[in-house]
Structures are given as C-alpha cells and as structure tokens.
Amino acid sequence: MTRHGALKPVTRRQESVELLSEYELKQCIENLCNTKAEEFRMYGYKNVTGEQVWACVSEGYRRGWPRLNRLVNDIMSLKANRFMNWLMLSVYKDEEE
C-alpha cells in the first residue's frame, strides 16, 4: 500500500481506430511529398517536385513499406543536403544508362 492509498487497477479505454484506404494513404503521402517539395522551393531549389521527394525517400525501402510513422518522419525530416546528393547521383545514373 502506498501513502496515497491502494493502487487502482488500470483500465484501458477501447479507442476506435479508423483505417485509411489505400487511395487515401497514397493521397496523404503525396501531399506530404508536395509539402516538402514546396519547402525546398522556399529555400531556393526551384524545380523540386513531390515525385522527386518520394523517389528519394522511398529508395531506402527495399524490403517493402515501413510503418506509417517512419514513412512520415522520413519525408518530413528529409534535409536539402541529402536530397541534393540523391539528385546528383540519380543524374549520374541516368547518364550511364
């Protein structure tokens, strides 16, 4: 027994979870990528697109899609330096082909 009385049992409330459809999930990801591209354009990188942001971020997903929280974090925490490095490497790869 604690000095505040007996310990109360923990009761968990059942929360309703609303799942997104595949289409809604893709729309959310597209919006996040477009938001990140807009941020880069504000920094002065004029021709960045959401598709490029997604290609950069998703390049690391060789084993399938990660959990949603990691996916969102990967998009929103993408730094301009990493993106520009990826862009330069992709240009070199295209020239070799």
PDB file of N, CA and C in Angstrom:
ATOM      1  N   MET A   1       0.842  -1.171   0.000  1.00  0.00           N
ATOM      2  CA  MET A   1       0.000   0.000   0.000  1.00  0.00           C
ATOM      3  C   MET A   1       0.893   1.241   0.000  1.00  0.00           C
ATOM      4  N   THR A   2       0.534   2.207  -0.814  1.00  0.00           N
ATOM      5  CA  THR A   2       1.284   3.454  -0.875  1.00  0.00           C
ATOM      6  C   THR A   2       0.695   4.437   0.119  1.00  0.00           C
ATOM      7  N   ARG A   3       1.350   5.533   0.303  1.00  0.00           N
ATOM      8  CA  ARG A   3       0.841   6.518   1.257  1.00  0.00           C
ATOM      9  C   ARG A   3      -0.420   7.221   0.756  1.00  0.00           C
ATOM     10  N   HIS A   4      -0.716   7.090  -0.539  1.00  0.00           N
ATOM     11  CA  HIS A   4      -1.922   7.709  -1.097  1.00  0.00           C
ATOM     12  C   HIS A   4      -3.085   6.734  -1.146  1.00  0.00           C
ATOM     13  N   GLY A   5      -2.911   5.541  -0.644  1.00  0.00           N
ATOM     14  CA  GLY A   5      -3.987   4.558  -0.668  1.00  0.00           C
ATOM     15  C   GLY A   5      -3.627   3.391  -1.567  1.00  0.00           C
ATOM     16  N   ALA A   6      -4.586   2.539  -1.771  1.00  0.00           N
ATOM     17  CA  ALA A   6      -4.366   1.338  -2.584  1.00  0.00           C
ATOM     18  C   ALA A   6      -4.196   1.725  -4.051  1.00  0.00           C
ATOM     19  N   LEU A   7      -3.420   0.909  -4.750  1.00  0.00           N
ATOM     20  CA  LEU A   7      -3.243   1.133  -6.183  1.00  0.00           C
ATOM     21  C   LEU A   7      -4.533   0.805  -6.912  1.00  0.00           C
ATOM     22  N   LYS A   8      -4.879   1.640  -7.828  1.00  0.00           N
ATOM     23  CA  LYS A   8      -6.092   1.411  -8.605  1.00  0.00           C
ATOM     24  C   LYS A   8      -5.727   0.618  -9.854  1.00  0.00           C
ATOM     25  N   PRO A   9      -6.581  -0.305 -10.260  1.00  0.00           N
ATOM     26  CA  PRO A   9      -6.286  -1.056 -11.484  1.00  0.00           C
ATOM     27  C   PRO A   9      -6.371  -0.135 -12.702  1.00  0.00           C
ATOM     28  N   VAL A  10      -5.544  -0.438 -13.655  1.00  0.00           N
ATOM     29  CA  VAL A  10      -5.528   0.346 -14.888  1.00  0.00           C
ATOM     30  C   VAL A  10      -6.595  -0.201 -15.811  1.00  0.00           C
ATOM     31  N   THR A  11      -7.461   0.672 -16.252  1.00  0.00           N
ATOM     32  CA  THR A  11      -8.471   0.259 -17.226  1.00  0.00           C
ATOM     33  C   THR A  11      -8.160   0.960 -18.532  1.00  0.00           C
ATOM     34  N   ARG A  12      -8.156   0.193 -19.555  1.00  0.00           N
ATOM     35  CA  ARG A  12      -7.859   0.755 -20.879  1.00  0.00           C
ATOM     36  C   ARG A  12      -9.161   0.984 -21.626  1.00  0.00           C
ATOM     37  N   ARG A  13      -9.272   2.170 -22.137  1.00  0.00           N
ATOM     38  CA  ARG A  13     -10.431   2.506 -22.943  1.00  0.00           C
ATOM     39  C   ARG A  13     -10.219   1.978 -24.348  1.00  0.00           C
ATOM     40  N   GLN A  14     -11.229   1.381 -24.878  1.00  0.00           N
ATOM     41  CA  GLN A  14     -11.143   0.883 -26.245  1.00  0.00           C
ATOM     42  C   GLN A  14     -11.307   2.078 -27.181  1.00  0.00           C
ATOM     43  N   GLU A  15     -10.248   2.390 -27.917  1.00  0.00           N
ATOM     44  CA  GLU A  15     -10.314   3.511 -28.848  1.00  0.00           C
ATOM     45  C   GLU A  15     -10.661   2.986 -30.228  1.00  0.00           C
ATOM     46  N   SER A  16     -11.510   3.709 -30.900  1.00  0.00           N
ATOM     47  CA  SER A  16     -11.841   3.291 -32.256  1.00  0.00           C
ATOM     48  C   SER A  16     -10.731   3.761 -33.187  1.00  0.00           C
ATOM     49  N   VAL A  17     -10.306   2.867 -34.021  1.00  0.00           N
ATOM     50  CA  VAL A  17      -9.237   3.161 -34.965  1.00  0.00           C
ATOM     51  C   VAL A  17      -9.849   3.220 -36.349  1.00  0.00           C
ATOM     52  N   GLU A  18      -9.605   4.324 -37.018  1.00  0.00           N
ATOM     53  CA  GLU A  18     -10.133   4.486 -38.364  1.00  0.00           C
ATOM     54  C   GLU A  18      -8.997   4.248 -39.347  1.00  0.00           C
ATOM     55  N   LEU A  19      -9.138   3.237 -40.174  1.00  0.00           N
ATOM     56  CA  LEU A  19      -8.099   2.906 -41.142  1.00  0.00           C
ATOM     57  C   LEU A  19      -8.331   3.666 -42.436  1.00  0.00           C
ATOM     58  N   LEU A  20      -7.232   4.067 -43.045  1.00  0.00           N
ATOM     59  CA  LEU A  20      -7.313   4.745 -44.333  1.00  0.00           C
ATOM     60  C   LEU A  20      -7.350   3.714 -45.446  1.00  0.00           C
ATOM     61  N   SER A  21      -8.048   4.038 -46.494  1.00  0.00           N
ATOM     62  CA  SER A  21      -8.000   3.179 -47.675  1.00  0.00           C
ATOM     63  C   SER A  21      -6.651   3.389 -48.355  1.00  0.00           C
ATOM     64  N   GLU A  22      -6.310   2.504 -49.256  1.00  0.00           N
ATOM     65  CA  GLU A  22      -5.034   2.632 -49.963  1.00  0.00           C
ATOM     66  C   GLU A  22      -4.969   3.950 -50.729  1.00  0.00           C
ATOM     67  N   TYR A  23      -6.076   4.335 -51.337  1.00  0.00           N
ATOM     68  CA  TYR A  23      -6.128   5.592 -52.079  1.00  0.00           C
ATOM     69  C   TYR A  23      -5.892   6.779 -51.147  1.00  0.00           C
ATOM     70  N   GLU A  24      -6.562   6.781 -49.982  1.00  0.00           N
ATOM     71  CA  GLU A  24      -6.399   7.882 -49.024  1.00  0.00           C
ATOM     72  C   GLU A  24      -4.974   7.951 -48.497  1.00  0.00           C
ATOM     73  N   LEU A  25      -4.374   6.790 -48.253  1.00  0.00           N
ATOM     74  CA  LEU A  25      -2.996   6.742 -47.781  1.00  0.00           C
ATOM     75  C   LEU A  25      -2.048   7.325 -48.825  1.00  0.00           C
ATOM     76  N   LYS A  26      -2.235   6.944 -50.079  1.00  0.00           N
ATOM     77  CA  LYS A  26      -1.379   7.477 -51.149  1.00  0.00           C
ATOM     78  C   LYS A  26      -1.567   8.980 -51.306  1.00  0.00           C
ATOM     79  N   GLN A  27      -2.795   9.459 -51.137  1.00  0.00           N
ATOM     80  CA  GLN A  27      -3.053  10.901 -51.210  1.00  0.00           C
ATOM     81  C   GLN A  27      -2.318  11.639 -50.094  1.00  0.00           C
ATOM     82  N   CYS A  28      -2.347  11.078 -48.888  1.00  0.00           N
ATOM     83  CA  CYS A  28      -1.649  11.703 -47.755  1.00  0.00           C
ATOM     84  C   CYS A  28      -0.149  11.755 -48.001  1.00  0.00           C
ATOM     85  N   ILE A  29       0.408  10.663 -48.503  1.00  0.00           N
ATOM     86  CA  ILE A  29       1.846  10.617 -48.786  1.00  0.00           C
ATOM     87  C   ILE A  29       2.196  11.615 -49.883  1.00  0.00           C
ATOM     88  N   GLU A  30       1.364  11.684 -50.907  1.00  0.00           N
ATOM     89  CA  GLU A  30       1.596  12.643 -51.989  1.00  0.00           C
ATOM     90  C   GLU A  30       1.556  14.075 -51.462  1.00  0.00           C
ATOM     91  N   ASN A  31       0.608  14.373 -50.584  1.00  0.00           N
ATOM     92  CA  ASN A  31       0.520  15.716 -50.001  1.00  0.00           C
ATOM     93  C   ASN A  31       1.750  16.043 -49.168  1.00  0.00           C
ATOM     94  N   LEU A  32       2.232  15.073 -48.393  1.00  0.00           N
ATOM     95  CA  LEU A  32       3.447  15.289 -47.603  1.00  0.00           C
ATOM     96  C   LEU A  32       4.647  15.569 -48.501  1.00  0.00           C
ATOM     97  N   CYS A  33       4.779  14.794 -49.571  1.00  0.00           N
ATOM     98  CA  CYS A  33       5.903  14.990 -50.501  1.00  0.00           C
ATOM     99  C   CYS A  33       5.813  16.347 -51.190  1.00  0.00           C
ATOM    100  N   ASN A  34       4.608  16.742 -51.568  1.00  0.00           N
ATOM    101  CA  ASN A  34       4.436  18.058 -52.191  1.00  0.00           C
ATOM    102  C   ASN A  34       4.741  19.181 -51.211  1.00  0.00           C
ATOM    103  N   THR A  35       4.386  18.986 -49.946  1.00  0.00           N
ATOM    104  CA  THR A  35       4.700  19.978 -48.913  1.00  0.00           C
ATOM    105  C   THR A  35       6.205  20.115 -48.739  1.00  0.00           C
ATOM    106  N   LYS A  36       6.907  18.989 -48.729  1.00  0.00           N
ATOM    107  CA  LYS A  36       8.367  19.016 -48.584  1.00  0.00           C
ATOM    108  C   LYS A  36       9.003  19.660 -49.822  1.00  0.00           C
ATOM    109  N   ALA A  37       8.485  19.373 -51.006  1.00  0.00           N
ATOM    110  CA  ALA A  37       9.000  19.992 -52.227  1.00  0.00           C
ATOM    111  C   ALA A  37       8.786  21.505 -52.183  1.00  0.00           C
ATOM    112  N   GLU A  38       7.644  21.928 -51.689  1.00  0.00           N
ATOM    113  CA  GLU A  38       7.365  23.363 -51.553  1.00  0.00           C
ATOM    114  C   GLU A  38       8.349  24.011 -50.578  1.00  0.00           C
ATOM    115  N   GLU A  39       8.661  23.311 -49.504  1.00  0.00           N
ATOM    116  CA  GLU A  39       9.645  23.815 -48.537  1.00  0.00           C
ATOM    117  C   GLU A  39      11.007  24.009 -49.208  1.00  0.00           C
ATOM    118  N   PHE A  40      11.420  23.029 -50.009  1.00  0.00           N
ATOM    119  CA  PHE A  40      12.700  23.148 -50.709  1.00  0.00           C
ATOM    120  C   PHE A  40      12.672  24.309 -51.703  1.00  0.00           C
ATOM    121  N   ARG A  41      11.529  24.522 -52.347  1.00  0.00           N
ATOM    122  CA  ARG A  41      11.421  25.656 -53.279  1.00  0.00           C
ATOM    123  C   ARG A  41      11.547  26.976 -52.530  1.00  0.00           C
ATOM    124  N   MET A  42      11.052  27.022 -51.292  1.00  0.00           N
ATOM    125  CA  MET A  42      11.207  28.240 -50.484  1.00  0.00           C
ATOM    126  C   MET A  42      12.678  28.481 -50.143  1.00  0.00           C
ATOM    127  N   TYR A  43      13.460  27.403 -50.061  1.00  0.00           N
ATOM    128  CA  TYR A  43      14.897  27.532 -49.799  1.00  0.00           C
ATOM    129  C   TYR A  43      15.675  27.948 -51.044  1.00  0.00           C
ATOM    130  N   GLY A  44      15.013  27.943 -52.210  1.00  0.00           N
ATOM    131  CA  GLY A  44      15.678  28.355 -53.430  1.00  0.00           C
ATOM    132  C   GLY A  44      15.917  27.241 -54.431  1.00  0.00           C
ATOM    133  N   TYR A  45      15.545  26.020 -54.094  1.00  0.00           N
ATOM    134  CA  TYR A  45      15.661  24.903 -55.038  1.00  0.00           C
ATOM    135  C   TYR A  45      14.396  24.899 -55.883  1.00  0.00           C
ATOM    136  N   LYS A  46      14.459  25.536 -57.046  1.00  0.00           N
ATOM    137  CA  LYS A  46      13.254  25.902 -57.788  1.00  0.00           C
ATOM    138  C   LYS A  46      12.474  24.746 -58.410  1.00  0.00           C
ATOM    139  N   ASN A  47      13.132  23.739 -58.936  1.00  0.00           N
ATOM    140  CA  ASN A  47      12.431  22.733 -59.730  1.00  0.00           C
ATOM    141  C   ASN A  47      12.171  21.423 -59.001  1.00  0.00           C
ATOM    142  N   VAL A  48      12.093  21.442 -57.696  1.00  0.00           N
ATOM    143  CA  VAL A  48      11.862  20.220 -56.923  1.00  0.00           C
ATOM    144  C   VAL A  48      10.383  19.845 -56.998  1.00  0.00           C
ATOM    145  N   THR A  49      10.115  18.566 -57.233  1.00  0.00           N
ATOM    146  CA  THR A  49       8.736  18.083 -57.292  1.00  0.00           C
ATOM    147  C   THR A  49       8.485  17.076 -56.173  1.00  0.00           C
ATOM    148  N   GLY A  50       7.224  16.860 -55.898  1.00  0.00           N
ATOM    149  CA  GLY A  50       6.845  15.854 -54.914  1.00  0.00           C
ATOM    150  C   GLY A  50       7.265  14.459 -55.338  1.00  0.00           C
ATOM    151  N   GLU A  51       7.228  14.197 -56.646  1.00  0.00           N
ATOM    152  CA  GLU A  51       7.646  12.889 -57.158  1.00  0.00           C
ATOM    153  C   GLU A  51       9.125  12.641 -56.879  1.00  0.00           C
ATOM    154  N   GLN A  52       9.944  13.678 -57.015  1.00  0.00           N
ATOM    155  CA  GLN A  52      11.371  13.539 -56.720  1.00  0.00           C
ATOM    156  C   GLN A  52      11.597  13.284 -55.231  1.00  0.00           C
ATOM    157  N   VAL A  53      10.856  13.991 -54.402  1.00  0.00           N
ATOM    158  CA  VAL A  53      10.971  13.782 -52.951  1.00  0.00           C
ATOM    159  C   VAL A  53      10.621  12.336 -52.623  1.00  0.00           C
ATOM    160  N   TRP A  54       9.530  11.817 -53.198  1.00  0.00           N
ATOM    161  CA  TRP A  54       9.126  10.445 -52.934  1.00  0.00           C
ATOM    162  C   TRP A  54      10.177   9.453 -53.445  1.00  0.00           C
ATOM    163  N   ALA A  55      10.731   9.703 -54.621  1.00  0.00           N
ATOM    164  CA  ALA A  55      11.759   8.805 -55.164  1.00  0.00           C
ATOM    165  C   ALA A  55      12.972   8.769 -54.248  1.00  0.00           C
ATOM    166  N   CYS A  56      13.360   9.909 -53.719  1.00  0.00           N
ATOM    167  CA  CYS A  56      14.498   9.989 -52.805  1.00  0.00           C
ATOM    168  C   CYS A  56      14.218   9.228 -51.514  1.00  0.00           C
ATOM    169  N   VAL A  57      13.077   9.473 -50.927  1.00  0.00           N
ATOM    170  CA  VAL A  57      12.738   8.850 -49.644  1.00  0.00           C
ATOM    171  C   VAL A  57      12.513   7.345 -49.809  1.00  0.00           C
ATOM    172  N   SER A  58      11.787   6.956 -50.839  1.00  0.00           N
ATOM    173  CA  SER A  58      11.401   5.550 -50.997  1.00  0.00           C
ATOM    174  C   SER A  58      12.542   4.674 -51.493  1.00  0.00           C
ATOM    175  N   GLU A  59      13.639   5.274 -51.918  1.00  0.00           N
ATOM    176  CA  GLU A  59      14.782   4.489 -52.382  1.00  0.00           C
ATOM    177  C   GLU A  59      15.292   3.555 -51.280  1.00  0.00           C
ATOM    178  N   GLY A  60      15.134   3.946 -50.042  1.00  0.00           N
ATOM    179  CA  GLY A  60      15.601   3.128 -48.930  1.00  0.00           C
ATOM    180  C   GLY A  60      14.642   2.027 -48.513  1.00  0.00           C
ATOM    181  N   TYR A  61      13.502   1.901 -49.167  1.00  0.00           N
ATOM    182  CA  TYR A  61      12.500   0.910 -48.772  1.00  0.00           C
ATOM    183  C   TYR A  61      12.590  -0.321 -49.664  1.00  0.00           C
ATOM    184  N   ARG A  62      13.682  -1.018 -49.585  1.00  0.00           N
ATOM    185  CA  ARG A  62      13.882  -2.195 -50.436  1.00  0.00           C
ATOM    186  C   ARG A  62      13.096  -3.407 -49.945  1.00  0.00           C
ATOM    187  N   ARG A  63      12.778  -3.427 -48.663  1.00  0.00           N
ATOM    188  CA  ARG A  63      12.064  -4.570 -48.083  1.00  0.00           C
ATOM    189  C   ARG A  63      10.572  -4.299 -47.936  1.00  0.00           C
ATOM    190  N   GLY A  64      10.054  -3.362 -48.651  1.00  0.00           N
ATOM    191  CA  GLY A  64       8.641  -3.024 -48.529  1.00  0.00           C
ATOM    192  C   GLY A  64       8.456  -1.738 -47.747  1.00  0.00           C
ATOM    193  N   TRP A  65       7.217  -1.354 -47.607  1.00  0.00           N
ATOM    194  CA  TRP A  65       6.902  -0.096 -46.935  1.00  0.00           C
ATOM    195  C   TRP A  65       7.099  -0.225 -45.438  1.00  0.00           C
ATOM    196  N   PRO A  66       7.661   0.809 -44.823  1.00  0.00           N
ATOM    197  CA  PRO A  66       7.803   0.799 -43.361  1.00  0.00           C
ATOM    198  C   PRO A  66       6.480   1.193 -42.703  1.00  0.00           C
ATOM    199  N   ARG A  67       6.489   1.241 -41.390  1.00  0.00           N
ATOM    200  CA  ARG A  67       5.313   1.717 -40.652  1.00  0.00           C
ATOM    201  C   ARG A  67       5.041   3.175 -41.023  1.00  0.00           C
ATOM    202  N   LEU A  68       3.802   3.559 -40.874  1.00  0.00           N
ATOM    203  CA  LEU A  68       3.377   4.901 -41.286  1.00  0.00           C
ATOM    204  C   LEU A  68       4.143   5.994 -40.555  1.00  0.00           C
ATOM    205  N   ASN A  69       4.392   5.817 -39.253  1.00  0.00           N
ATOM    206  CA  ASN A  69       5.095   6.869 -38.517  1.00  0.00           C
ATOM    207  C   ASN A  69       6.515   7.059 -39.044  1.00  0.00           C
ATOM    208  N   ARG A  70       7.190   5.987 -39.445  1.00  0.00           N
ATOM    209  CA  ARG A  70       8.534   6.116 -40.008  1.00  0.00           C
ATOM    210  C   ARG A  70       8.479   6.773 -41.384  1.00  0.00           C
ATOM    211  N   LEU A  71       7.490   6.396 -42.169  1.00  0.00           N
ATOM    212  CA  LEU A  71       7.339   6.963 -43.504  1.00  0.00           C
ATOM    213  C   LEU A  71       7.146   8.471 -43.431  1.00  0.00           C
ATOM    214  N   VAL A  72       6.255   8.915 -42.561  1.00  0.00           N
ATOM    215  CA  VAL A  72       6.002  10.351 -42.393  1.00  0.00           C
ATOM    216  C   VAL A  72       7.263  11.047 -41.895  1.00  0.00           C
ATOM    217  N   ASN A  73       7.939  10.443 -40.925  1.00  0.00           N
ATOM    218  CA  ASN A  73       9.169  11.027 -40.394  1.00  0.00           C
ATOM    219  C   ASN A  73      10.241  11.131 -41.475  1.00  0.00           C
ATOM    220  N   ASP A  74      10.380  10.101 -42.306  1.00  0.00           N
ATOM    221  CA  ASP A  74      11.387  10.128 -43.368  1.00  0.00           C
ATOM    222  C   ASP A  74      11.131  11.264 -44.357  1.00  0.00           C
ATOM    223  N   ILE A  75       9.870  11.501 -44.664  1.00  0.00           N
ATOM    224  CA  ILE A  75       9.540  12.583 -45.601  1.00  0.00           C
ATOM    225  C   ILE A  75       9.769  13.945 -44.953  1.00  0.00           C
ATOM    226  N   MET A  76       9.216  14.131 -43.763  1.00  0.00           N
ATOM    227  CA  MET A  76       9.267  15.448 -43.135  1.00  0.00           C
ATOM    228  C   MET A  76      10.656  15.821 -42.621  1.00  0.00           C
ATOM    229  N   SER A  77      11.509  14.835 -42.354  1.00  0.00           N
ATOM    230  CA  SER A  77      12.850  15.145 -41.855  1.00  0.00           C
ATOM    231  C   SER A  77      13.901  15.137 -42.961  1.00  0.00           C
ATOM    232  N   LEU A  78      13.477  14.962 -44.211  1.00  0.00           N
ATOM    233  CA  LEU A  78      14.418  14.978 -45.333  1.00  0.00           C
ATOM    234  C   LEU A  78      15.093  16.345 -45.415  1.00  0.00           C
ATOM    235  N   LYS A  79      16.398  16.336 -45.414  1.00  0.00           N
ATOM    236  CA  LYS A  79      17.176  17.576 -45.487  1.00  0.00           C
ATOM    237  C   LYS A  79      17.540  17.865 -46.940  1.00  0.00           C
ATOM    238  N   ALA A  80      17.688  19.137 -47.243  1.00  0.00           N
ATOM    239  CA  ALA A  80      18.022  19.554 -48.604  1.00  0.00           C
ATOM    240  C   ALA A  80      19.350  18.950 -49.048  1.00  0.00           C
ATOM    241  N   ASN A  81      20.300  18.839 -48.137  1.00  0.00           N
ATOM    242  CA  ASN A  81      21.602  18.274 -48.477  1.00  0.00           C
ATOM    243  C   ASN A  81      21.473  16.825 -48.947  1.00  0.00           C
ATOM    244  N   ARG A  82      20.718  16.029 -48.206  1.00  0.00           N
ATOM    245  CA  ARG A  82      20.525  14.625 -48.602  1.00  0.00           C
ATOM    246  C   ARG A  82      19.785  14.542 -49.929  1.00  0.00           C
ATOM    247  N   PHE A  83      18.776  15.390 -50.103  1.00  0.00           N
ATOM    248  CA  PHE A  83      18.016  15.383 -51.348  1.00  0.00           C
ATOM    249  C   PHE A  83      18.901  15.744 -52.535  1.00  0.00           C
ATOM    250  N   MET A  84      19.731  16.769 -52.388  1.00  0.00           N
ATOM    251  CA  MET A  84      20.598  17.185 -53.495  1.00  0.00           C
ATOM    252  C   MET A  84      21.638  16.113 -53.816  1.00  0.00           C
ATOM    253  N   ASN A  85      22.157  15.428 -52.796  1.00  0.00           N
ATOM    254  CA  ASN A  85      23.080  14.315 -53.051  1.00  0.00           C
ATOM    255  C   ASN A  85      22.386  13.218 -53.850  1.00  0.00           C
ATOM    256  N   TRP A  86      21.158  12.876 -53.449  1.00  0.00           N
ATOM    257  CA  TRP A  86      20.393  11.868 -54.174  1.00  0.00           C
ATOM    258  C   TRP A  86      20.145  12.313 -55.612  1.00  0.00           C
ATOM    259  N   LEU A  87      19.808  13.581 -55.799  1.00  0.00           N
ATOM    260  CA  LEU A  87      19.519  14.102 -57.129  1.00  0.00           C
ATOM    261  C   LEU A  87      20.747  14.017 -58.034  1.00  0.00           C
ATOM    262  N   MET A  88      21.905  14.387 -57.500  1.00  0.00           N
ATOM    263  CA  MET A  88      23.140  14.312 -58.297  1.00  0.00           C
ATOM    264  C   MET A  88      23.465  12.866 -58.667  1.00  0.00           C
ATOM    265  N   LEU A  89      23.316  11.943 -57.727  1.00  0.00           N
ATOM    266  CA  LEU A  89      23.576  10.533 -58.025  1.00  0.00           C
ATOM    267  C   LEU A  89      22.605   9.998 -59.065  1.00  0.00           C
ATOM    268  N   SER A  90      21.355  10.412 -59.001  1.00  0.00           N
ATOM    269  CA  SER A  90      20.379   9.938 -59.982  1.00  0.00           C
ATOM    270  C   SER A  90      20.681  10.492 -61.371  1.00  0.00           C
ATOM    271  N   VAL A  91      21.217  11.706 -61.441  1.00  0.00           N
ATOM    272  CA  VAL A  91      21.617  12.272 -62.738  1.00  0.00           C
ATOM    273  C   VAL A  91      22.772  11.462 -63.319  1.00  0.00           C
ATOM    274  N   TYR A  92      23.753  11.123 -62.481  1.00  0.00           N
ATOM    275  CA  TYR A  92      24.886  10.316 -62.948  1.00  0.00           C
ATOM    276  C   TYR A  92      24.435   8.936 -63.392  1.00  0.00           C
ATOM    277  N   LYS A  93      23.497   8.330 -62.670  1.00  0.00           N
ATOM    278  CA  LYS A  93      22.987   7.009 -63.047  1.00  0.00           C
ATOM    279  C   LYS A  93      22.279   7.072 -64.389  1.00  0.00           C
ATOM    280  N   ASP A  94      21.510   8.140 -64.621  1.00  0.00           N
ATOM    281  CA  ASP A  94      20.803   8.295 -65.893  1.00  0.00           C
ATOM    282  C   ASP A  94      21.770   8.470 -67.054  1.00  0.00           C
ATOM    283  N   GLU A  95      22.886   9.162 -66.821  1.00  0.00           N
ATOM    284  CA  GLU A  95      23.877   9.367 -67.875  1.00  0.00           C
ATOM    285  C   GLU A  95      24.564   8.064 -68.255  1.00  0.00           C
ATOM    286  N   GLU A  96      24.752   7.160 -67.287  1.00  0.00           N
ATOM    287  CA  GLU A  96      25.414   5.891 -67.556  1.00  0.00           C
ATOM    288  C   GLU A  96      24.539   4.953 -68.362  1.00  0.00           C
ATOM    289  N   GLU A  97      23.236   5.089 -68.251  1.00  0.00           N
ATOM    290  CA  GLU A  97      22.320   4.174 -68.947  1.00  0.00           C
ATOM    291  C   GLU A  97      22.084   4.561 -70.350  1.00  0.00           C
TER     292      GLU A  97
END
